[in-house]
PDB file of N, CA and C in Angstrom:
ATOM      1  N   MET A   1       0.828  -1.188   0.000  1.00  0.00           N
ATOM      2  CA  MET A   1       0.000   0.000   0.000  1.00  0.00           C
ATOM      3  C   MET A   1       0.871   1.250   0.000  1.00  0.00           C
ATOM      4  N   LEU A   2       1.968   1.190   0.710  1.00  0.00           N
ATOM      5  CA  LEU A   2       2.884   2.321   0.741  1.00  0.00           C
ATOM      6  C   LEU A   2       3.463   2.585  -0.645  1.00  0.00           C
ATOM      7  N   ALA A   3       3.841   1.530  -1.352  1.00  0.00           N
ATOM      8  CA  ALA A   3       4.408   1.694  -2.693  1.00  0.00           C
ATOM      9  C   ALA A   3       3.387   2.309  -3.644  1.00  0.00           C
ATOM     10  N   ILE A   4       2.132   1.893  -3.545  1.00  0.00           N
ATOM     11  CA  ILE A   4       1.090   2.461  -4.397  1.00  0.00           C
ATOM     12  C   ILE A   4       0.889   3.935  -4.050  1.00  0.00           C
ATOM     13  N   GLY A   5       0.816   4.243  -2.773  1.00  0.00           N
ATOM     14  CA  GLY A   5       0.658   5.631  -2.341  1.00  0.00           C
ATOM     15  C   GLY A   5       1.810   6.498  -2.799  1.00  0.00           C
ATOM     16  N   ARG A   6       2.998   5.968  -2.684  1.00  0.00           N
ATOM     17  CA  ARG A   6       4.191   6.719  -3.107  1.00  0.00           C
ATOM     18  C   ARG A   6       4.145   6.977  -4.612  1.00  0.00           C
ATOM     19  N   ALA A   7       3.732   5.978  -5.374  1.00  0.00           N
ATOM     20  CA  ALA A   7       3.639   6.134  -6.827  1.00  0.00           C
ATOM     21  C   ALA A   7       2.599   7.192  -7.202  1.00  0.00           C
ATOM     22  N   LEU A   8       1.508   7.251  -6.445  1.00  0.00           N
ATOM     23  CA  LEU A   8       0.439   8.210  -6.751  1.00  0.00           C
ATOM     24  C   LEU A   8       0.802   9.646  -6.394  1.00  0.00           C
ATOM     25  N   MET A   9       1.783   9.832  -5.524  1.00  0.00           N
ATOM     26  CA  MET A   9       2.174  11.186  -5.115  1.00  0.00           C
ATOM     27  C   MET A   9       2.631  12.036  -6.301  1.00  0.00           C
ATOM     28  N   GLY A  10       3.190  11.402  -7.311  1.00  0.00           N
ATOM     29  CA  GLY A  10       3.647  12.121  -8.492  1.00  0.00           C
ATOM     30  C   GLY A  10       2.532  12.400  -9.495  1.00  0.00           C
ATOM     31  N   LYS A  11       1.303  12.023  -9.155  1.00  0.00           N
ATOM     32  CA  LYS A  11       0.137  12.211 -10.023  1.00  0.00           C
ATOM     33  C   LYS A  11       0.383  11.705 -11.450  1.00  0.00           C
ATOM     34  N   PRO A  12       0.741  10.437 -11.575  1.00  0.00           N
ATOM     35  CA  PRO A  12       1.018   9.905 -12.916  1.00  0.00           C
ATOM     36  C   PRO A  12      -0.270   9.761 -13.737  1.00  0.00           C
ATOM     37  N   LYS A  13      -0.135   9.837 -15.040  1.00  0.00           N
ATOM     38  CA  LYS A  13      -1.278   9.590 -15.928  1.00  0.00           C
ATOM     39  C   LYS A  13      -1.557   8.093 -16.017  1.00  0.00           C
ATOM     40  N   LEU A  14      -0.494   7.306 -15.863  1.00  0.00           N
ATOM     41  CA  LEU A  14      -0.581   5.853 -15.950  1.00  0.00           C
ATOM     42  C   LEU A  14       0.126   5.246 -14.743  1.00  0.00           C
ATOM     43  N   LEU A  15      -0.574   4.385 -14.013  1.00  0.00           N
ATOM     44  CA  LEU A  15       0.001   3.684 -12.863  1.00  0.00           C
ATOM     45  C   LEU A  15       0.320   2.258 -13.305  1.00  0.00           C
ATOM     46  N   LEU A  16       1.586   1.866 -13.214  1.00  0.00           N
ATOM     47  CA  LEU A  16       2.018   0.523 -13.582  1.00  0.00           C
ATOM     48  C   LEU A  16       2.207  -0.304 -12.321  1.00  0.00           C
ATOM     49  N   LEU A  17       1.541  -1.445 -12.247  1.00  0.00           N
ATOM     50  CA  LEU A  17       1.642  -2.319 -11.080  1.00  0.00           C
ATOM     51  C   LEU A  17       2.090  -3.704 -11.529  1.00  0.00           C
ATOM     52  N   ASP A  18       3.178  -4.171 -10.956  1.00  0.00           N
ATOM     53  CA  ASP A  18       3.713  -5.495 -11.267  1.00  0.00           C
ATOM     54  C   ASP A  18       3.508  -6.395 -10.056  1.00  0.00           C
ATOM     55  N   GLU A  19       2.608  -7.341 -10.183  1.00  0.00           N
ATOM     56  CA  GLU A  19       2.298  -8.312  -9.124  1.00  0.00           C
ATOM     57  C   GLU A  19       2.010  -7.637  -7.779  1.00  0.00           C
ATOM     58  N   PRO A  20       1.006  -6.764  -7.711  1.00  0.00           N
ATOM     59  CA  PRO A  20       0.742  -6.089  -6.439  1.00  0.00           C
ATOM     60  C   PRO A  20       0.300  -7.013  -5.312  1.00  0.00           C
ATOM     61  N   SER A  21      -0.135  -8.236  -5.629  1.00  0.00           N
ATOM     62  CA  SER A  21      -0.579  -9.143  -4.570  1.00  0.00           C
ATOM     63  C   SER A  21       0.470 -10.188  -4.184  1.00  0.00           C
ATOM     64  N   LEU A  22       1.617 -10.167  -4.836  1.00  0.00           N
ATOM     65  CA  LEU A  22       2.634 -11.198  -4.613  1.00  0.00           C
ATOM     66  C   LEU A  22       3.078 -11.267  -3.155  1.00  0.00           C
ATOM     67  N   GLY A  23       2.944 -12.438  -2.569  1.00  0.00           N
ATOM     68  CA  GLY A  23       3.446 -12.693  -1.226  1.00  0.00           C
ATOM     69  C   GLY A  23       2.606 -12.115  -0.096  1.00  0.00           C
ATOM     70  N   LEU A  24       1.417 -11.625  -0.407  1.00  0.00           N
ATOM     71  CA  LEU A  24       0.588 -11.012   0.631  1.00  0.00           C
ATOM     72  C   LEU A  24      -0.469 -11.981   1.147  1.00  0.00           C
ATOM     73  N   ALA A  25      -0.872 -11.787   2.393  1.00  0.00           N
ATOM     74  CA  ALA A  25      -1.940 -12.582   2.984  1.00  0.00           C
ATOM     75  C   ALA A  25      -3.259 -12.301   2.252  1.00  0.00           C
ATOM     76  N   PRO A  26      -4.153 -13.285   2.170  1.00  0.00           N
ATOM     77  CA  PRO A  26      -5.414 -13.106   1.442  1.00  0.00           C
ATOM     78  C   PRO A  26      -6.219 -11.875   1.859  1.00  0.00           C
ATOM     79  N   LEU A  27      -6.256 -11.555   3.137  1.00  0.00           N
ATOM     80  CA  LEU A  27      -7.004 -10.365   3.568  1.00  0.00           C
ATOM     81  C   LEU A  27      -6.368  -9.085   3.048  1.00  0.00           C
ATOM     82  N   ILE A  28      -5.055  -9.054   2.990  1.00  0.00           N
ATOM     83  CA  ILE A  28      -4.350  -7.885   2.460  1.00  0.00           C
ATOM     84  C   ILE A  28      -4.555  -7.793   0.949  1.00  0.00           C
ATOM     85  N   VAL A  29      -4.548  -8.927   0.264  1.00  0.00           N
ATOM     86  CA  VAL A  29      -4.802  -8.951  -1.182  1.00  0.00           C
ATOM     87  C   VAL A  29      -6.172  -8.346  -1.469  1.00  0.00           C
ATOM     88  N   ARG A  30      -7.150  -8.720  -0.691  1.00  0.00           N
ATOM     89  CA  ARG A  30      -8.505  -8.165  -0.865  1.00  0.00           C
ATOM     90  C   ARG A  30      -8.470  -6.644  -0.713  1.00  0.00           C
ATOM     91  N   ASP A  31      -7.772  -6.163   0.286  1.00  0.00           N
ATOM     92  CA  ASP A  31      -7.670  -4.715   0.506  1.00  0.00           C
ATOM     93  C   ASP A  31      -6.939  -4.026  -0.644  1.00  0.00           C
ATOM     94  N   ILE A  32      -5.859  -4.634  -1.125  1.00  0.00           N
ATOM     95  CA  ILE A  32      -5.093  -4.053  -2.230  1.00  0.00           C
ATOM     96  C   ILE A  32      -5.984  -3.897  -3.458  1.00  0.00           C
ATOM     97  N   PHE A  33      -6.767  -4.928  -3.770  1.00  0.00           N
ATOM     98  CA  PHE A  33      -7.625  -4.847  -4.951  1.00  0.00           C
ATOM     99  C   PHE A  33      -8.777  -3.853  -4.753  1.00  0.00           C
ATOM    100  N   LYS A  34      -9.238  -3.683  -3.541  1.00  0.00           N
ATOM    101  CA  LYS A  34     -10.231  -2.633  -3.275  1.00  0.00           C
ATOM    102  C   LYS A  34      -9.626  -1.262  -3.554  1.00  0.00           C
ATOM    103  N   ILE A  35      -8.396  -1.063  -3.117  1.00  0.00           N
ATOM    104  CA  ILE A  35      -7.708   0.210  -3.328  1.00  0.00           C
ATOM    105  C   ILE A  35      -7.459   0.438  -4.824  1.00  0.00           C
ATOM    106  N   ILE A  36      -7.017  -0.596  -5.525  1.00  0.00           N
ATOM    107  CA  ILE A  36      -6.787  -0.470  -6.965  1.00  0.00           C
ATOM    108  C   ILE A  36      -8.093  -0.119  -7.677  1.00  0.00           C
ATOM    109  N   ASN A  37      -9.174  -0.765  -7.285  1.00  0.00           N
ATOM    110  CA  ASN A  37     -10.472  -0.475  -7.896  1.00  0.00           C
ATOM    111  C   ASN A  37     -10.895   0.970  -7.611  1.00  0.00           C
ATOM    112  N   GLU A  38     -10.624   1.472  -6.420  1.00  0.00           N
ATOM    113  CA  GLU A  38     -10.968   2.854  -6.088  1.00  0.00           C
ATOM    114  C   GLU A  38     -10.121   3.834  -6.911  1.00  0.00           C
ATOM    115  N   ILE A  39      -8.855   3.532  -7.094  1.00  0.00           N
ATOM    116  CA  ILE A  39      -7.992   4.371  -7.931  1.00  0.00           C
ATOM    117  C   ILE A  39      -8.541   4.403  -9.355  1.00  0.00           C
ATOM    118  N   LYS A  40      -8.942   3.249  -9.852  1.00  0.00           N
ATOM    119  CA  LYS A  40      -9.545   3.160 -11.187  1.00  0.00           C
ATOM    120  C   LYS A  40     -10.830   3.980 -11.248  1.00  0.00           C
ATOM    121  N   ARG A  41     -11.674   3.838 -10.242  1.00  0.00           N
ATOM    122  CA  ARG A  41     -12.951   4.540 -10.208  1.00  0.00           C
ATOM    123  C   ARG A  41     -12.759   6.060 -10.258  1.00  0.00           C
ATOM    124  N   ARG A  42     -11.645   6.516  -9.713  1.00  0.00           N
ATOM    125  CA  ARG A  42     -11.358   7.955  -9.711  1.00  0.00           C
ATOM    126  C   ARG A  42     -10.740   8.438 -11.021  1.00  0.00           C
ATOM    127  N   GLY A  43     -10.633   7.540 -11.993  1.00  0.00           N
ATOM    128  CA  GLY A  43     -10.222   7.952 -13.328  1.00  0.00           C
ATOM    129  C   GLY A  43      -8.775   7.727 -13.700  1.00  0.00           C
ATOM    130  N   ARG A  44      -7.999   7.102 -12.837  1.00  0.00           N
ATOM    131  CA  ARG A  44      -6.584   6.850 -13.136  1.00  0.00           C
ATOM    132  C   ARG A  44      -6.482   5.614 -14.031  1.00  0.00           C
ATOM    133  N   THR A  45      -5.653   5.686 -15.053  1.00  0.00           N
ATOM    134  CA  THR A  45      -5.391   4.534 -15.912  1.00  0.00           C
ATOM    135  C   THR A  45      -4.373   3.646 -15.212  1.00  0.00           C
ATOM    136  N   ILE A  46      -4.653   2.339 -15.183  1.00  0.00           N
ATOM    137  CA  ILE A  46      -3.785   1.391 -14.476  1.00  0.00           C
ATOM    138  C   ILE A  46      -3.460   0.222 -15.400  1.00  0.00           C
ATOM    139  N   LEU A  47      -2.206  -0.138 -15.451  1.00  0.00           N
ATOM    140  CA  LEU A  47      -1.758  -1.334 -16.151  1.00  0.00           C
ATOM    141  C   LEU A  47      -1.245  -2.294 -15.085  1.00  0.00           C
ATOM    142  N   ILE A  48      -1.860  -3.468 -15.008  1.00  0.00           N
ATOM    143  CA  ILE A  48      -1.489  -4.453 -13.988  1.00  0.00           C
ATOM    144  C   ILE A  48      -0.968  -5.709 -14.661  1.00  0.00           C
ATOM    145  N   VAL A  49       0.179  -6.179 -14.210  1.00  0.00           N
ATOM    146  CA  VAL A  49       0.687  -7.500 -14.564  1.00  0.00           C
ATOM    147  C   VAL A  49       0.501  -8.318 -13.294  1.00  0.00           C
ATOM    148  N   GLU A  50      -0.315  -9.362 -13.369  1.00  0.00           N
ATOM    149  CA  GLU A  50      -0.715 -10.053 -12.133  1.00  0.00           C
ATOM    150  C   GLU A  50      -1.069 -11.504 -12.428  1.00  0.00           C
ATOM    151  N   GLN A  51      -0.631 -12.401 -11.544  1.00  0.00           N
ATOM    152  CA  GLN A  51      -0.996 -13.805 -11.684  1.00  0.00           C
ATOM    153  C   GLN A  51      -2.338 -14.123 -11.029  1.00  0.00           C
ATOM    154  N   ASN A  52      -2.810 -13.262 -10.147  1.00  0.00           N
ATOM    155  CA  ASN A  52      -4.120 -13.452  -9.525  1.00  0.00           C
ATOM    156  C   ASN A  52      -5.178 -13.005 -10.544  1.00  0.00           C
ATOM    157  N   ALA A  53      -5.426 -13.879 -11.515  1.00  0.00           N
ATOM    158  CA  ALA A  53      -6.274 -13.521 -12.651  1.00  0.00           C
ATOM    159  C   ALA A  53      -7.704 -13.208 -12.227  1.00  0.00           C
ATOM    160  N   TYR A  54      -8.250 -13.965 -11.322  1.00  0.00           N
ATOM    161  CA  TYR A  54      -9.645 -13.765 -10.927  1.00  0.00           C
ATOM    162  C   TYR A  54      -9.861 -12.352 -10.375  1.00  0.00           C
ATOM    163  N   GLN A  55      -9.068 -11.949  -9.399  1.00  0.00           N
ATOM    164  CA  GLN A  55      -9.225 -10.618  -8.795  1.00  0.00           C
ATOM    165  C   GLN A  55      -8.989  -9.517  -9.831  1.00  0.00           C
ATOM    166  N   THR A  56      -8.006  -9.717 -10.683  1.00  0.00           N
ATOM    167  CA  THR A  56      -7.666  -8.705 -11.678  1.00  0.00           C
ATOM    168  C   THR A  56      -8.765  -8.581 -12.725  1.00  0.00           C
ATOM    169  N   LEU A  57      -9.276  -9.695 -13.205  1.00  0.00           N
ATOM    170  CA  LEU A  57     -10.335  -9.648 -14.221  1.00  0.00           C
ATOM    171  C   LEU A  57     -11.619  -9.027 -13.686  1.00  0.00           C
ATOM    172  N   LYS A  58     -11.849  -9.142 -12.389  1.00  0.00           N
ATOM    173  CA  LYS A  58     -13.047  -8.532 -11.803  1.00  0.00           C
ATOM    174  C   LYS A  58     -13.036  -7.013 -11.939  1.00  0.00           C
ATOM    175  N   ILE A  59     -11.861  -6.402 -11.982  1.00  0.00           N
ATOM    176  CA  ILE A  59     -11.792  -4.943 -12.064  1.00  0.00           C
ATOM    177  C   ILE A  59     -11.285  -4.435 -13.410  1.00  0.00           C
ATOM    178  N   ALA A  60     -10.871  -5.350 -14.292  1.00  0.00           N
ATOM    179  CA  ALA A  60     -10.256  -4.947 -15.557  1.00  0.00           C
ATOM    180  C   ALA A  60     -11.291  -4.483 -16.579  1.00  0.00           C
ATOM    181  N   ASP A  61     -10.976  -3.365 -17.242  1.00  0.00           N
ATOM    182  CA  ASP A  61     -11.774  -2.956 -18.397  1.00  0.00           C
ATOM    183  C   ASP A  61     -11.428  -3.855 -19.581  1.00  0.00           C
ATOM    184  N   TYR A  62     -10.140  -4.138 -19.736  1.00  0.00           N
ATOM    185  CA  TYR A  62      -9.665  -4.974 -20.835  1.00  0.00           C
ATOM    186  C   TYR A  62      -8.474  -5.775 -20.332  1.00  0.00           C
ATOM    187  N   ALA A  63      -8.327  -7.002 -20.830  1.00  0.00           N
ATOM    188  CA  ALA A  63      -7.256  -7.863 -20.333  1.00  0.00           C
ATOM    189  C   ALA A  63      -6.679  -8.724 -21.448  1.00  0.00           C
ATOM    190  N   TYR A  64      -5.423  -9.079 -21.258  1.00  0.00           N
ATOM    191  CA  TYR A  64      -4.735 -10.023 -22.124  1.00  0.00           C
ATOM    192  C   TYR A  64      -4.281 -11.179 -21.255  1.00  0.00           C
ATOM    193  N   LEU A  65      -4.614 -12.395 -21.654  1.00  0.00           N
ATOM    194  CA  LEU A  65      -4.149 -13.579 -20.948  1.00  0.00           C
ATOM    195  C   LEU A  65      -2.967 -14.122 -21.736  1.00  0.00           C
ATOM    196  N   MET A  66      -1.819 -14.177 -21.075  1.00  0.00           N
ATOM    197  CA  MET A  66      -0.613 -14.635 -21.757  1.00  0.00           C
ATOM    198  C   MET A  66      -0.159 -15.971 -21.199  1.00  0.00           C
ATOM    199  N   GLU A  67       0.392 -16.770 -22.113  1.00  0.00           N
ATOM    200  CA  GLU A  67       0.957 -18.060 -21.722  1.00  0.00           C
ATOM    201  C   GLU A  67       2.235 -18.255 -22.528  1.00  0.00           C
ATOM    202  N   LEU A  68       3.340 -18.459 -21.839  1.00  0.00           N
ATOM    203  CA  LEU A  68       4.641 -18.643 -22.465  1.00  0.00           C
ATOM    204  C   LEU A  68       4.979 -17.502 -23.419  1.00  0.00           C
ATOM    205  N   GLY A  69       4.623 -16.277 -23.017  1.00  0.00           N
ATOM    206  CA  GLY A  69       4.967 -15.095 -23.793  1.00  0.00           C
ATOM    207  C   GLY A  69       4.049 -14.784 -24.959  1.00  0.00           C
ATOM    208  N   LEU A  70       3.014 -15.582 -25.144  1.00  0.00           N
ATOM    209  CA  LEU A  70       2.070 -15.360 -26.244  1.00  0.00           C
ATOM    210  C   LEU A  70       0.695 -15.002 -25.695  1.00  0.00           C
ATOM    211  N   VAL A  71       0.005 -14.100 -26.380  1.00  0.00           N
ATOM    212  CA  VAL A  71      -1.358 -13.748 -25.988  1.00  0.00           C
ATOM    213  C   VAL A  71      -2.273 -14.895 -26.401  1.00  0.00           C
ATOM    214  N   LYS A  72      -2.919 -15.523 -25.411  1.00  0.00           N
ATOM    215  CA  LYS A  72      -3.827 -16.647 -25.675  1.00  0.00           C
ATOM    216  C   LYS A  72      -5.268 -16.179 -25.816  1.00  0.00           C
ATOM    217  N   LYS A  73      -5.636 -15.177 -25.027  1.00  0.00           N
ATOM    218  CA  LYS A  73      -6.992 -14.628 -25.075  1.00  0.00           C
ATOM    219  C   LYS A  73      -6.918 -13.162 -24.738  1.00  0.00           C
ATOM    220  N   GLU A  74      -7.904 -12.426 -25.222  1.00  0.00           N
ATOM    221  CA  GLU A  74      -8.018 -11.022 -24.855  1.00  0.00           C
ATOM    222  C   GLU A  74      -9.480 -10.631 -24.915  1.00  0.00           C
ATOM    223  N   GLY A  75      -9.816  -9.616 -24.162  1.00  0.00           N
ATOM    224  CA  GLY A  75     -11.191  -9.124 -24.142  1.00  0.00           C
ATOM    225  C   GLY A  75     -11.451  -8.363 -22.862  1.00  0.00           C
ATOM    226  N   THR A  76     -12.682  -7.977 -22.667  1.00  0.00           N
ATOM    227  CA  THR A  76     -13.027  -7.286 -21.434  1.00  0.00           C
ATOM    228  C   THR A  76     -12.878  -8.253 -20.267  1.00  0.00           C
ATOM    229  N   GLY A  77     -12.658  -7.701 -19.092  1.00  0.00           N
ATOM    230  CA  GLY A  77     -12.555  -8.549 -17.906  1.00  0.00           C
ATOM    231  C   GLY A  77     -13.803  -9.396 -17.716  1.00  0.00           C
ATOM    232  N   ALA A  78     -14.971  -8.780 -17.891  1.00  0.00           N
ATOM    233  CA  ALA A  78     -16.237  -9.501 -17.726  1.00  0.00           C
ATOM    234  C   ALA A  78     -16.367 -10.625 -18.741  1.00  0.00           C
ATOM    235  N   ALA A  79     -15.985 -10.359 -19.989  1.00  0.00           N
ATOM    236  CA  ALA A  79     -16.087 -11.392 -21.027  1.00  0.00           C
ATOM    237  C   ALA A  79     -15.163 -12.563 -20.727  1.00  0.00           C
ATOM    238  N   LEU A  80     -13.953 -12.272 -20.285  1.00  0.00           N
ATOM    239  CA  LEU A  80     -13.023 -13.357 -19.968  1.00  0.00           C
ATOM    240  C   LEU A  80     -13.495 -14.153 -18.753  1.00  0.00           C
ATOM    241  N   LEU A  81     -14.086 -13.489 -17.774  1.00  0.00           N
ATOM    242  CA  LEU A  81     -14.607 -14.208 -16.609  1.00  0.00           C
ATOM    243  C   LEU A  81     -15.800 -15.092 -16.962  1.00  0.00           C
ATOM    244  N   SER A  82     -16.497 -14.759 -18.037  1.00  0.00           N
ATOM    245  CA  SER A  82     -17.645 -15.576 -18.438  1.00  0.00           C
ATOM    246  C   SER A  82     -17.272 -16.625 -19.484  1.00  0.00           C
ATOM    247  N   ASP A  83     -16.012 -16.700 -19.858  1.00  0.00           N
ATOM    248  CA  ASP A  83     -15.520 -17.693 -20.810  1.00  0.00           C
ATOM    249  C   ASP A  83     -15.272 -18.999 -20.058  1.00  0.00           C
ATOM    250  N   ASP A  84     -16.164 -19.964 -20.240  1.00  0.00           N
ATOM    251  CA  ASP A  84     -16.087 -21.220 -19.484  1.00  0.00           C
ATOM    252  C   ASP A  84     -14.759 -21.953 -19.678  1.00  0.00           C
ATOM    253  N   GLU A  85     -14.239 -21.940 -20.889  1.00  0.00           N
ATOM    254  CA  GLU A  85     -12.961 -22.611 -21.168  1.00  0.00           C
ATOM    255  C   GLU A  85     -11.827 -21.956 -20.381  1.00  0.00           C
ATOM    256  N   LEU A  86     -11.790 -20.637 -20.384  1.00  0.00           N
ATOM    257  CA  LEU A  86     -10.760 -19.908 -19.647  1.00  0.00           C
ATOM    258  C   LEU A  86     -10.893 -20.144 -18.146  1.00  0.00           C
ATOM    259  N   VAL A  87     -12.097 -20.044 -17.646  1.00  0.00           N
ATOM    260  CA  VAL A  87     -12.317 -20.241 -16.209  1.00  0.00           C
ATOM    261  C   VAL A  87     -11.859 -21.631 -15.788  1.00  0.00           C
ATOM    262  N   HIS A  88     -12.212 -22.627 -16.545  1.00  0.00           N
ATOM    263  CA  HIS A  88     -11.821 -24.009 -16.225  1.00  0.00           C
ATOM    264  C   HIS A  88     -10.302 -24.182 -16.283  1.00  0.00           C
ATOM    265  N   ALA A  89      -9.670 -23.642 -17.307  1.00  0.00           N
ATOM    266  CA  ALA A  89      -8.243 -23.838 -17.509  1.00  0.00           C
ATOM    267  C   ALA A  89      -7.371 -23.024 -16.563  1.00  0.00           C
ATOM    268  N   TYR A  90      -7.800 -21.791 -16.241  1.00  0.00           N
ATOM    269  CA  TYR A  90      -6.923 -20.885 -15.503  1.00  0.00           C
ATOM    270  C   TYR A  90      -7.415 -20.496 -14.110  1.00  0.00           C
ATOM    271  N   LEU A  91      -8.708 -20.529 -13.905  1.00  0.00           N
ATOM    272  CA  LEU A  91      -9.233 -20.013 -12.648  1.00  0.00           C
ATOM    273  C   LEU A  91      -9.818 -21.081 -11.731  1.00  0.00           C
ATOM    274  N   GLY A  92     -10.055 -22.261 -12.246  1.00  0.00           N
ATOM    275  CA  GLY A  92     -10.634 -23.310 -11.413  1.00  0.00           C
ATOM    276  C   GLY A  92     -12.076 -22.988 -11.058  1.00  0.00           C
ATOM    277  N   ALA A  93     -12.471 -23.300  -9.828  1.00  0.00           N
ATOM    278  CA  ALA A  93     -13.860 -23.151  -9.404  1.00  0.00           C
ATOM    279  C   ALA A  93     -14.080 -21.899  -8.590  1.00  0.00           C
ATOM    280  N   GLN A  94     -13.404 -20.804  -8.908  1.00  0.00           N
ATOM    281  CA  GLN A  94     -13.511 -19.591  -8.098  1.00  0.00           C
ATOM    282  C   GLN A  94     -14.811 -18.833  -8.307  1.00  0.00           C
ATOM    283  N   GLN A  95     -15.538 -19.101  -9.373  1.00  0.00           N
ATOM    284  CA  GLN A  95     -16.752 -18.335  -9.616  1.00  0.00           C
ATOM    285  C   GLN A  95     -17.889 -18.853  -8.846  1.00  0.00           C
TER     286      GLN A  95
END
């Protein structure tokens, strides 16, 4: 949270986040994604690289799913979350 706050102090047009949930407890991950969603809601553009696909797709306007350096799927977060093949292959039974 401190790193995100520090990054926002410069009022960037684009906020880049690389694995913001890496190594954090599940309750903290939930809080981080709430904060990211609030930053988005306030109009800041955010680019997230994240392995927690479910949480990220819930807030994403648009997403690219990559595997071995290649784009396998792309679309809105909502569309990708409703893609049964993607959910089964990458997200398991989280829905």
